[in-house]
C-alpha atoms as a PDB file:
ATOM      1  CA  MET A   1      18.090 -24.020 -12.867  1.00  0.00           C
ATOM      2  CA  GLU A   2      14.567 -23.772 -11.488  1.00  0.00           C
ATOM      3  CA  SER A   3      13.827 -20.698 -13.587  1.00  0.00           C
ATOM      4  CA  ILE A   4      14.996 -22.451 -16.781  1.00  0.00           C
ATOM      5  CA  VAL A   5      12.632 -25.335 -16.114  1.00  0.00           C
ATOM      6  CA  ASN A   6       9.809 -22.908 -15.357  1.00  0.00           C
ATOM      7  CA  HIS A   7      10.464 -20.916 -18.521  1.00  0.00           C
ATOM      8  CA  LEU A   8      10.322 -24.081 -20.626  1.00  0.00           C
ATOM      9  CA  LYS A   9       6.992 -25.018 -19.011  1.00  0.00           C
ATOM     10  CA  LEU A  10       5.602 -21.540 -19.696  1.00  0.00           C
ATOM     11  CA  LEU A  11       6.669 -21.717 -23.336  1.00  0.00           C
ATOM     12  CA  ARG A  12       4.855 -25.003 -23.803  1.00  0.00           C
ATOM     13  CA  THR A  13       1.689 -23.934 -22.027  1.00  0.00           C
ATOM     14  CA  GLN A  14       1.403 -20.352 -23.301  1.00  0.00           C
ATOM     15  CA  LYS A  15       2.863 -20.885 -26.818  1.00  0.00           C
ATOM     16  CA  PRO A  16       3.693 -17.168 -27.171  1.00  0.00           C
ATOM     17  CA  LEU A  17       3.668 -15.489 -30.579  1.00  0.00           C
ATOM     18  CA  VAL A  18       7.205 -14.364 -31.486  1.00  0.00           C
ATOM     19  CA  GLN A  19       7.689 -12.077 -34.477  1.00  0.00           C
ATOM     20  CA  ASN A  20      10.925 -12.515 -36.402  1.00  0.00           C
ATOM     21  CA  ILE A  21      12.231 -10.022 -38.919  1.00  0.00           C
ATOM     22  CA  THR A  22      15.242 -12.094 -39.799  1.00  0.00           C
ATOM     23  CA  ASN A  23      17.468 -13.109 -42.679  1.00  0.00           C
ATOM     24  CA  HIS A  24      16.725 -15.312 -45.677  1.00  0.00           C
ATOM     25  CA  VAL A  25      19.359 -17.880 -44.704  1.00  0.00           C
ATOM     26  CA  VAL A  26      17.848 -18.878 -41.344  1.00  0.00           C
ATOM     27  CA  MET A  27      14.134 -18.190 -41.587  1.00  0.00           C
ATOM     28  CA  ASN A  28      13.150 -21.862 -41.767  1.00  0.00           C
ATOM     29  CA  ASN A  29      15.727 -22.906 -39.139  1.00  0.00           C
ATOM     30  CA  THR A  30      14.591 -20.411 -36.531  1.00  0.00           C
ATOM     31  CA  ALA A  31      10.892 -21.042 -37.134  1.00  0.00           C
ATOM     32  CA  ASN A  32      11.419 -24.778 -36.613  1.00  0.00           C
ATOM     33  CA  ALA A  33      13.450 -24.184 -33.448  1.00  0.00           C
ATOM     34  CA  LEU A  34      10.744 -21.953 -31.994  1.00  0.00           C
ATOM     35  CA  LEU A  35       8.071 -24.542 -32.761  1.00  0.00           C
ATOM     36  CA  ALA A  36      10.196 -27.322 -31.259  1.00  0.00           C
ATOM     37  CA  VAL A  37      10.675 -25.444 -27.971  1.00  0.00           C
ATOM     38  CA  GLY A  38       6.979 -24.612 -27.716  1.00  0.00           C
ATOM     39  CA  ALA A  39       6.660 -21.062 -29.065  1.00  0.00           C
ATOM     40  CA  SER A  40       4.673 -19.857 -32.075  1.00  0.00           C
ATOM     41  CA  PRO A  41       6.785 -18.080 -34.725  1.00  0.00           C
ATOM     42  CA  ILE A  42       5.608 -15.560 -37.278  1.00  0.00           C
ATOM     43  CA  MET A  43       8.047 -14.347 -39.931  1.00  0.00           C
ATOM     44  CA  SER A  44       6.421 -11.069 -40.888  1.00  0.00           C
ATOM     45  CA  HIS A  45       8.041  -7.975 -42.394  1.00  0.00           C
ATOM     46  CA  ALA A  46       5.419  -6.276 -44.595  1.00  0.00           C
ATOM     47  CA  HIS A  47       5.329  -2.538 -43.916  1.00  0.00           C
ATOM     48  CA  ASN A  48       1.553  -2.355 -43.974  1.00  0.00           C
ATOM     49  CA  GLU A  49       1.111  -4.859 -41.151  1.00  0.00           C
ATOM     50  CA  VAL A  50       4.143  -4.274 -38.945  1.00  0.00           C
ATOM     51  CA  GLU A  51       2.449  -1.927 -36.484  1.00  0.00           C
ATOM     52  CA  ASP A  52      -0.646  -4.125 -36.177  1.00  0.00           C
ATOM     53  CA  MET A  53       1.543  -7.209 -35.798  1.00  0.00           C
ATOM     54  CA  VAL A  54       3.502  -5.729 -32.904  1.00  0.00           C
ATOM     55  CA  LYS A  55       0.204  -5.192 -31.073  1.00  0.00           C
ATOM     56  CA  ILE A  56      -0.527  -8.930 -30.948  1.00  0.00           C
ATOM     57  CA  ILE A  57       2.910 -10.477 -30.474  1.00  0.00           C
ATOM     58  CA  SER A  58       4.548 -11.249 -27.141  1.00  0.00           C
ATOM     59  CA  SER A  59       8.106 -10.463 -28.288  1.00  0.00           C
ATOM     60  CA  LEU A  60      10.104  -9.363 -31.321  1.00  0.00           C
ATOM     61  CA  VAL A  61      13.418 -10.598 -32.756  1.00  0.00           C
ATOM     62  CA  ILE A  62      15.293  -8.445 -35.283  1.00  0.00           C
ATOM     63  CA  ASN A  63      18.200 -10.009 -37.158  1.00  0.00           C
ATOM     64  CA  ILE A  64      20.073  -7.901 -39.724  1.00  0.00           C
ATOM     65  CA  GLY A  65      21.796 -10.748 -41.565  1.00  0.00           C
ATOM     66  CA  THR A  66      20.538 -10.050 -45.107  1.00  0.00           C
ATOM     67  CA  LEU A  67      19.850  -6.338 -45.266  1.00  0.00           C
ATOM     68  CA  ASP A  68      18.037  -4.370 -47.912  1.00  0.00           C
ATOM     69  CA  GLU A  69      16.190  -1.062 -47.742  1.00  0.00           C
ATOM     70  CA  TYR A  70      12.702  -2.595 -47.526  1.00  0.00           C
ATOM     71  CA  TRP A  71      13.643  -4.914 -44.669  1.00  0.00           C
ATOM     72  CA  VAL A  72      15.498  -2.155 -42.845  1.00  0.00           C
ATOM     73  CA  ASP A  73      12.371   0.010 -42.886  1.00  0.00           C
ATOM     74  CA  SER A  74      10.399  -2.955 -41.510  1.00  0.00           C
ATOM     75  CA  MET A  75      12.929  -3.391 -38.707  1.00  0.00           C
ATOM     76  CA  LEU A  76      12.825   0.281 -37.808  1.00  0.00           C
ATOM     77  CA  LEU A  77       9.020   0.372 -37.836  1.00  0.00           C
ATOM     78  CA  ALA A  78       8.752  -2.763 -35.703  1.00  0.00           C
ATOM     79  CA  SER A  79      11.412  -1.801 -33.149  1.00  0.00           C
ATOM     80  CA  LYS A  80       9.920   1.693 -32.776  1.00  0.00           C
ATOM     81  CA  LYS A  81       6.464   0.237 -32.200  1.00  0.00           C
ATOM     82  CA  ALA A  82       7.786  -2.398 -29.780  1.00  0.00           C
ATOM     83  CA  ASN A  83       9.535   0.317 -27.790  1.00  0.00           C
ATOM     84  CA  GLU A  84       6.369   2.434 -27.669  1.00  0.00           C
ATOM     85  CA  ALA A  85       4.249  -0.565 -26.658  1.00  0.00           C
ATOM     86  CA  ALA A  86       6.781  -1.752 -24.048  1.00  0.00           C
ATOM     87  CA  LYS A  87       7.110  -5.098 -25.832  1.00  0.00           C
ATOM     88  CA  PRO A  88      10.440  -6.890 -25.305  1.00  0.00           C
ATOM     89  CA  TRP A  89      12.648  -7.120 -28.362  1.00  0.00           C
ATOM     90  CA  LEU A  90      16.044  -8.542 -29.218  1.00  0.00           C
ATOM     91  CA  LEU A  91      18.620  -7.232 -31.672  1.00  0.00           C
ATOM     92  CA  ASP A  92      20.978  -9.655 -33.421  1.00  0.00           C
ATOM     93  CA  PRO A  93      23.699  -7.467 -35.011  1.00  0.00           C
ATOM     94  CA  VAL A  94      24.827  -9.971 -37.633  1.00  0.00           C
ATOM     95  CA  GLY A  95      28.011  -8.851 -39.351  1.00  0.00           C
ATOM     96  CA  ALA A  96      28.408  -5.695 -37.288  1.00  0.00           C
ATOM     97  CA  GLY A  97      31.511  -3.841 -38.428  1.00  0.00           C
ATOM     98  CA  ALA A  98      31.558  -5.407 -41.891  1.00  0.00           C
ATOM     99  CA  THR A  99      30.199  -2.349 -43.760  1.00  0.00           C
ATOM    100  CA  SER A 100      29.352   1.259 -43.010  1.00  0.00           C
ATOM    101  CA  TYR A 101      25.743   0.637 -44.102  1.00  0.00           C
ATOM    102  CA  ARG A 102      25.355  -2.196 -41.611  1.00  0.00           C
ATOM    103  CA  ASN A 103      26.790  -0.030 -38.842  1.00  0.00           C
ATOM    104  CA  GLU A 104      24.464   2.847 -39.725  1.00  0.00           C
ATOM    105  CA  VAL A 105      21.415   0.564 -39.556  1.00  0.00           C
ATOM    106  CA  LEU A 106      22.509  -0.767 -36.173  1.00  0.00           C
ATOM    107  CA  THR A 107      22.917   2.746 -34.803  1.00  0.00           C
ATOM    108  CA  ARG A 108      19.358   3.568 -35.847  1.00  0.00           C
ATOM    109  CA  LEU A 109      17.977   0.361 -34.338  1.00  0.00           C
ATOM    110  CA  LEU A 110      19.758   0.955 -31.038  1.00  0.00           C
ATOM    111  CA  SER A 111      17.871   4.225 -30.674  1.00  0.00           C
ATOM    112  CA  PHE A 112      14.744   2.155 -29.948  1.00  0.00           C
ATOM    113  CA  TYR A 113      16.345   0.466 -26.926  1.00  0.00           C
ATOM    114  CA  PRO A 114      16.405  -3.311 -27.420  1.00  0.00           C
ATOM    115  CA  SER A 115      15.817  -5.418 -24.317  1.00  0.00           C
ATOM    116  CA  VAL A 116      18.657  -7.733 -25.347  1.00  0.00           C
ATOM    117  CA  ILE A 117      21.540  -7.624 -27.806  1.00  0.00           C
ATOM    118  CA  ARG A 118      23.005 -11.025 -28.746  1.00  0.00           C
ATOM    119  CA  GLY A 119      25.996 -11.495 -30.994  1.00  0.00           C
ATOM    120  CA  ASN A 120      29.315 -13.244 -31.367  1.00  0.00           C
ATOM    121  CA  ALA A 121      32.446 -11.673 -29.927  1.00  0.00           C
ATOM    122  CA  SER A 122      33.469  -9.786 -33.065  1.00  0.00           C
ATOM    123  CA  GLU A 123      29.970  -8.376 -33.517  1.00  0.00           C
ATOM    124  CA  ILE A 124      29.827  -7.162 -29.915  1.00  0.00           C
ATOM    125  CA  LEU A 125      33.292  -5.607 -30.204  1.00  0.00           C
ATOM    126  CA  ALA A 126      32.302  -3.832 -33.428  1.00  0.00           C
ATOM    127  CA  LEU A 127      28.997  -2.648 -31.969  1.00  0.00           C
ATOM    128  CA  SER A 128      30.819  -1.139 -29.016  1.00  0.00           C
ATOM    129  CA  LYS A 129      33.029   0.792 -31.472  1.00  0.00           C
ATOM    130  CA  GLU A 130      36.155  -1.285 -30.900  1.00  0.00           C
ATOM    131  CA  ASN A 131      38.570  -1.052 -33.835  1.00  0.00           C
ATOM    132  CA  ILE A 132      38.585  -4.605 -35.169  1.00  0.00           C
ATOM    133  CA  VAL A 133      39.014  -6.314 -38.529  1.00  0.00           C
ATOM    134  CA  SER A 134      35.673  -7.884 -39.478  1.00  0.00           C
ATOM    135  CA  LYS A 135      35.260 -11.210 -41.241  1.00  0.00           C
ATOM    136  CA  GLY A 136      31.621 -10.695 -42.126  1.00  0.00           C
ATOM    137  CA  VAL A 137      29.317 -12.863 -40.032  1.00  0.00           C
ATOM    138  CA  ASP A 138      32.037 -15.106 -38.563  1.00  0.00           C
ATOM    139  CA  SER A 139      33.720 -14.249 -35.297  1.00  0.00           C
ATOM    140  CA  THR A 140      37.491 -13.801 -35.277  1.00  0.00           C
ATOM    141  CA  HIS A 141      37.550 -13.403 -31.486  1.00  0.00           C
ATOM    142  CA  GLN A 142      36.816 -15.558 -28.460  1.00  0.00           C
ATOM    143  CA  SER A 143      33.813 -14.605 -26.340  1.00  0.00           C
ATOM    144  CA  GLU A 144      36.064 -13.763 -23.372  1.00  0.00           C
ATOM    145  CA  GLN A 145      37.738 -11.047 -25.455  1.00  0.00           C
ATOM    146  CA  ALA A 146      34.436  -9.182 -25.811  1.00  0.00           C
ATOM    147  CA  LEU A 147      33.422  -9.264 -22.149  1.00  0.00           C
ATOM    148  CA  ASN A 148      34.533  -5.712 -21.306  1.00  0.00           C
ATOM    149  CA  ALA A 149      32.971  -4.406 -24.514  1.00  0.00           C
ATOM    150  CA  ALA A 150      29.718  -6.167 -23.626  1.00  0.00           C
ATOM    151  CA  MET A 151      29.692  -4.490 -20.211  1.00  0.00           C
ATOM    152  CA  ALA A 152      30.211  -1.065 -21.777  1.00  0.00           C
ATOM    153  CA  LEU A 153      27.512  -1.762 -24.374  1.00  0.00           C
ATOM    154  CA  SER A 154      25.091  -2.916 -21.680  1.00  0.00           C
ATOM    155  CA  LEU A 155      25.617   0.222 -19.616  1.00  0.00           C
ATOM    156  CA  GLN A 156      25.436   2.526 -22.618  1.00  0.00           C
ATOM    157  CA  ASN A 157      22.206   1.061 -23.989  1.00  0.00           C
ATOM    158  CA  ARG A 158      20.605   0.021 -20.692  1.00  0.00           C
ATOM    159  CA  CYS A 159      20.041  -3.510 -21.914  1.00  0.00           C
ATOM    160  CA  ILE A 160      21.255  -7.077 -21.514  1.00  0.00           C
ATOM    161  CA  VAL A 161      24.127  -8.109 -23.774  1.00  0.00           C
ATOM    162  CA  CYS A 162      24.846 -11.740 -24.639  1.00  0.00           C
ATOM    163  CA  VAL A 163      28.178 -12.771 -26.152  1.00  0.00           C
ATOM    164  CA  SER A 164      27.936 -16.255 -27.621  1.00  0.00           C
ATOM    165  CA  GLY A 165      30.848 -18.579 -28.230  1.00  0.00           C
ATOM    166  CA  GLU A 166      32.468 -21.641 -26.696  1.00  0.00           C
ATOM    167  CA  THR A 167      31.505 -19.989 -23.410  1.00  0.00           C
ATOM    168  CA  ASP A 168      28.398 -17.815 -23.516  1.00  0.00           C
ATOM    169  CA  PHE A 169      28.309 -14.657 -21.405  1.00  0.00           C
ATOM    170  CA  VAL A 170      25.139 -12.869 -20.324  1.00  0.00           C
ATOM    171  CA  VAL A 171      25.975  -9.349 -19.188  1.00  0.00           C
ATOM    172  CA  SER A 172      23.999  -6.788 -17.211  1.00  0.00           C
ATOM    173  CA  GLY A 173      26.092  -3.698 -16.572  1.00  0.00           C
ATOM    174  CA  ASN A 174      29.164  -4.810 -14.647  1.00  0.00           C
ATOM    175  CA  THR A 175      27.771  -8.225 -13.691  1.00  0.00           C
ATOM    176  CA  TYR A 176      27.697 -11.344 -15.802  1.00  0.00           C
ATOM    177  CA  THR A 177      26.881 -15.039 -15.846  1.00  0.00           C
ATOM    178  CA  SER A 178      28.649 -17.624 -17.995  1.00  0.00           C
ATOM    179  CA  ILE A 179      27.022 -20.656 -19.605  1.00  0.00           C
ATOM    180  CA  LEU A 180      29.249 -23.590 -20.509  1.00  0.00           C
ATOM    181  CA  ASN A 181      26.774 -25.797 -22.363  1.00  0.00           C
ATOM    182  CA  GLY A 182      27.136 -26.504 -26.080  1.00  0.00           C
ATOM    183  CA  HIS A 183      28.879 -28.719 -28.632  1.00  0.00           C
ATOM    184  CA  PRO A 184      31.695 -28.014 -31.141  1.00  0.00           C
ATOM    185  CA  MET A 185      29.514 -29.144 -34.061  1.00  0.00           C
ATOM    186  CA  MET A 186      27.262 -26.124 -33.535  1.00  0.00           C
ATOM    187  CA  ALA A 187      29.914 -23.979 -35.215  1.00  0.00           C
ATOM    188  CA  SER A 188      29.578 -26.040 -38.419  1.00  0.00           C
ATOM    189  CA  VAL A 189      25.860 -25.401 -38.934  1.00  0.00           C
ATOM    190  CA  THR A 190      24.635 -22.138 -40.417  1.00  0.00           C
ATOM    191  CA  GLY A 191      22.384 -19.944 -38.343  1.00  0.00           C
ATOM    192  CA  MET A 192      22.975 -21.394 -34.897  1.00  0.00           C
ATOM    193  CA  GLY A 193      23.640 -17.940 -33.473  1.00  0.00           C
ATOM    194  CA  CYS A 194      20.460 -16.683 -35.109  1.00  0.00           C
ATOM    195  CA  THR A 195      18.629 -19.609 -33.553  1.00  0.00           C
ATOM    196  CA  ALA A 196      19.994 -18.664 -30.140  1.00  0.00           C
ATOM    197  CA  SER A 197      18.585 -15.182 -30.633  1.00  0.00           C
ATOM    198  CA  ALA A 198      15.184 -16.598 -31.552  1.00  0.00           C
ATOM    199  CA  LEU A 199      15.144 -18.823 -28.456  1.00  0.00           C
ATOM    200  CA  ILE A 200      16.016 -15.884 -26.206  1.00  0.00           C
ATOM    201  CA  GLY A 201      13.215 -13.979 -27.917  1.00  0.00           C
ATOM    202  CA  ALA A 202      10.834 -16.787 -27.043  1.00  0.00           C
ATOM    203  CA  VAL A 203      11.759 -16.736 -23.359  1.00  0.00           C
ATOM    204  CA  LEU A 204      11.462 -12.930 -23.349  1.00  0.00           C
ATOM    205  CA  ALA A 205       7.810 -13.516 -24.173  1.00  0.00           C
ATOM    206  CA  VAL A 206       7.193 -15.344 -20.877  1.00  0.00           C
ATOM    207  CA  GLU A 207       9.766 -13.727 -18.552  1.00  0.00           C
ATOM    208  CA  LYS A 208       9.760 -10.003 -17.693  1.00  0.00           C
ATOM    209  CA  ASP A 209      13.373  -9.987 -16.512  1.00  0.00           C
ATOM    210  CA  PRO A 210      15.516  -9.904 -19.695  1.00  0.00           C
ATOM    211  CA  PHE A 211      18.608 -11.132 -17.837  1.00  0.00           C
ATOM    212  CA  LYS A 212      16.837 -14.287 -16.625  1.00  0.00           C
ATOM    213  CA  ALA A 213      15.262 -14.766 -20.050  1.00  0.00           C
ATOM    214  CA  THR A 214      18.631 -14.567 -21.791  1.00  0.00           C
ATOM    215  CA  VAL A 215      20.298 -17.010 -19.405  1.00  0.00           C
ATOM    216  CA  SER A 216      17.461 -19.486 -19.920  1.00  0.00           C
ATOM    217  CA  GLY A 217      17.426 -19.083 -23.695  1.00  0.00           C
ATOM    218  CA  MET A 218      21.164 -19.696 -23.967  1.00  0.00           C
ATOM    219  CA  ALA A 219      21.080 -22.630 -21.551  1.00  0.00           C
ATOM    220  CA  ILE A 220      18.245 -24.260 -23.518  1.00  0.00           C
ATOM    221  CA  MET A 221      20.202 -23.687 -26.724  1.00  0.00           C
ATOM    222  CA  GLY A 222      23.419 -25.139 -25.300  1.00  0.00           C
ATOM    223  CA  ILE A 223      21.826 -28.192 -23.732  1.00  0.00           C
ATOM    224  CA  ALA A 224      19.937 -29.044 -26.919  1.00  0.00           C
ATOM    225  CA  GLY A 225      23.187 -28.598 -28.851  1.00  0.00           C
ATOM    226  CA  GLU A 226      24.981 -31.034 -26.549  1.00  0.00           C
ATOM    227  CA  MET A 227      22.237 -33.611 -26.915  1.00  0.00           C
ATOM    228  CA  ALA A 228      22.216 -33.260 -30.700  1.00  0.00           C
ATOM    229  CA  GLY A 229      25.994 -33.433 -30.998  1.00  0.00           C
ATOM    230  CA  GLU A 230      26.181 -36.665 -29.031  1.00  0.00           C
ATOM    231  CA  LYS A 231      24.007 -38.516 -31.548  1.00  0.00           C
ATOM    232  CA  SER A 232      25.049 -36.839 -34.831  1.00  0.00           C
ATOM    233  CA  ASN A 233      27.536 -37.951 -37.478  1.00  0.00           C
ATOM    234  CA  GLY A 234      28.001 -34.477 -38.930  1.00  0.00           C
ATOM    235  CA  PRO A 235      26.349 -31.112 -39.532  1.00  0.00           C
ATOM    236  CA  GLY A 236      23.485 -32.544 -41.599  1.00  0.00           C
ATOM    237  CA  THR A 237      22.236 -34.946 -38.958  1.00  0.00           C
ATOM    238  CA  PHE A 238      23.022 -32.404 -36.257  1.00  0.00           C
ATOM    239  CA  GLN A 239      20.449 -29.972 -37.619  1.00  0.00           C
ATOM    240  CA  VAL A 240      17.644 -32.524 -37.463  1.00  0.00           C
ATOM    241  CA  ASN A 241      18.755 -33.865 -34.090  1.00  0.00           C
ATOM    242  CA  PHE A 242      18.885 -30.326 -32.701  1.00  0.00           C
ATOM    243  CA  TYR A 243      15.174 -29.771 -33.347  1.00  0.00           C
ATOM    244  CA  ASP A 244      14.397 -33.160 -31.830  1.00  0.00           C
ATOM    245  CA  SER A 245      16.492 -32.334 -28.775  1.00  0.00           C
ATOM    246  CA  LEU A 246      14.646 -29.047 -28.225  1.00  0.00           C
ATOM    247  CA  TYR A 247      11.370 -30.930 -28.484  1.00  0.00           C
ATOM    248  CA  GLN A 248      12.553 -33.620 -26.055  1.00  0.00           C
ATOM    249  CA  LEU A 249      13.858 -31.259 -23.368  1.00  0.00           C
ATOM    250  CA  GLU A 250      12.380 -31.884 -19.944  1.00  0.00           C
ATOM    251  CA  PRO A 251      13.151 -30.810 -16.361  1.00  0.00           C
ATOM    252  CA  GLY A 252      15.304 -33.832 -15.533  1.00  0.00           C
ATOM    253  CA  ILE A 253      17.533 -33.287 -18.555  1.00  0.00           C
ATOM    254  CA  ILE A 254      17.999 -29.612 -17.734  1.00  0.00           C
ATOM    255  CA  GLU A 255      18.818 -30.318 -14.083  1.00  0.00           C
ATOM    256  CA  LYS A 256      21.376 -32.952 -15.073  1.00  0.00           C
ATOM    257  CA  ARG A 257      23.129 -30.997 -17.825  1.00  0.00           C
ATOM    258  CA  VAL A 258      22.970 -27.276 -17.103  1.00  0.00           C
ATOM    259  CA  LYS A 259      26.347 -25.596 -16.539  1.00  0.00           C
ATOM    260  CA  ILE A 260      25.918 -22.026 -15.332  1.00  0.00           C
ATOM    261  CA  GLN A 261      28.435 -19.995 -13.356  1.00  0.00           C
ATOM    262  CA  LYS A 262      27.635 -16.693 -11.686  1.00  0.00           C
ATOM    263  CA  GLU A 263      30.878 -14.777 -12.072  1.00  0.00           C
ATOM    264  CA  ARG A 264      30.057 -11.530 -10.294  1.00  0.00           C
END
C-alpha cells in the first residue's frame, strides 16, 4: 500500500516521459490516462526518430493491437534500443494466438526481453504456446486459468507477467500477487487492458523493481475503475469518469480501497 502511494507521488512530481507504440483504437484513451495519473505520454513510431526517442524516455510501452509492417519495424527498433539502453519496457500481446503473423511478431519482440508482459488470460495462454481457440482480442478464459502459463512465461523470459481479468495476477517466477480491485463496467469499454499496460509503463518509469511497478499500476487502474463505475450510468460516462478518478486519486483513497493479496 505504501509503495503504491509513493509511486503515485513520484509520477506527479517527476512526470516521466512514456513512449507508446500502440494501436489506433486506444491511442487517445491511453494518452489521456497517462496525463490524468501524472505521466507525460508521447505516441511516437517514426523509424527515423525511434532510436533518439528511446534515449530520452523513461519507459516504453509496445502494444501490437493494430499491426502493419511499418509499425512492427518501429516496435522492433524501439524494443531493441530499450534493451540495449537498459530502459524498462512493457509488451502488450494483444490478440496473441489469433494469427500466425501476430505470433511471429511476438516471438521477435520477446527476443528483446521485456520487463513486463501484460495481457488477458487467453493472450497469456497463447503466448506460452498453450493450444487454445482464440477470439481475437477478447479473452475466452478466466485469469485464474492462465496462472500456471504466466509462471512458465515469467521463468522462460525472465520477466514479470501480469494476467488481467476479474482478478488480476502479477507473477514473478513461481510467486504471485492478486489484485481484486476493479468494476464490471470496465469490460464494456474498449482499450481498458491497453490502458492498464500504459499505467504499468508509467510506474516502470519511477520504480526499478518491475514487480512492484506492475502491482502498483494494476492497483491504480482497478481503484480508478471502481470509483468511475460507482458514479457512471454506462460505458460512455464511465470513460470520462475513469480519467477524472485517476486525476482525483490520493493516498487516503488508495489506503481505503486497495485489495491486494500476496498468495505465495
